[in-house]
Amino acid sequence: MKDNTIWILFVLILTTYWPQLEAGIFGTLDVGLYTLNATLQVAEVASKAANVAITARG
């Protein structure tokens, strides 16, 4: 009987707090992806600028 009580409590806690956990986990992932995307865009602009400079000099 004790085992069942532990599982019931575990499931109740999980279902109560899961939305907050999920928001935390996926919020962190979103920020990471956003940062990566911004970094790639900056690198792309820098690459284009370098190509323009090389073309202008050449």
Protein backbone atom coordinates (compact mmCIF):
# COMPACT_ATOMS: atom_id res chain seq x y z
CA MET A 1 0.00 0.00 0.00
CA LYS A 2 2.88 2.37 0.79
CA ASP A 3 4.28 1.96 -2.73
CA ASN A 4 0.96 2.99 -4.27
CA THR A 5 0.78 6.10 -2.09
CA ILE A 6 4.27 7.15 -3.18
CA TRP A 7 3.35 6.70 -6.85
CA ILE A 8 0.09 8.62 -6.44
CA LEU A 9 1.95 11.49 -4.76
CA PHE A 10 4.63 11.40 -7.46
CA VAL A 11 2.03 11.57 -10.25
CA LEU A 12 0.13 14.37 -8.50
CA ILE A 13 3.31 16.42 -8.02
CA LEU A 14 4.38 15.78 -11.61
CA THR A 15 1.02 16.75 -13.10
CA THR A 16 0.89 19.85 -10.89
CA TYR A 17 4.39 21.12 -11.66
CA TRP A 18 4.95 19.72 -15.17
CA PRO A 19 3.74 22.89 -17.00
CA GLN A 20 6.29 24.99 -15.07
CA LEU A 21 9.06 22.44 -15.67
CA GLU A 22 8.16 22.23 -19.33
CA ALA A 23 8.12 26.01 -19.68
CA GLY A 24 11.53 26.19 -18.00
CA ILE A 25 13.08 23.48 -20.18
CA PHE A 26 11.64 24.67 -23.47
CA GLY A 27 12.14 28.34 -22.59
CA THR A 28 15.85 27.63 -22.15
CA LEU A 29 15.94 25.75 -25.47
CA ASP A 30 14.19 28.64 -27.24
CA VAL A 31 16.71 31.16 -25.88
CA GLY A 32 19.56 28.90 -27.00
CA LEU A 33 18.14 28.55 -30.51
CA TYR A 34 17.47 32.28 -30.74
CA THR A 35 21.07 33.04 -29.71
CA LEU A 36 22.43 30.51 -32.21
CA ASN A 37 20.27 31.99 -34.97
CA ALA A 38 21.43 35.54 -34.17
CA THR A 39 25.08 34.38 -34.16
CA LEU A 40 24.65 32.71 -37.55
CA GLN A 41 23.06 35.86 -38.98
CA VAL A 42 25.96 37.99 -37.73
CA ALA A 43 28.44 35.51 -39.24
CA GLU A 44 26.57 35.61 -42.55
CA VAL A 45 26.65 39.43 -42.66
CA ALA A 46 30.37 39.40 -41.79
CA SER A 47 31.01 36.87 -44.55
CA LYS A 48 29.13 39.01 -47.11
CA ALA A 49 31.07 42.10 -46.01
CA ALA A 50 34.35 40.21 -46.37
CA ASN A 51 33.36 39.02 -49.86
CA VAL A 52 32.49 42.59 -50.88
CA ALA A 53 35.84 43.84 -49.54
CA ILE A 54 37.77 41.09 -51.37
CA THR A 55 35.87 41.78 -54.60
CA ALA A 56 36.45 45.54 -54.29
CA ARG A 57 40.17 45.06 -53.66
CA GLY A 58 40.62 42.40 -56.34
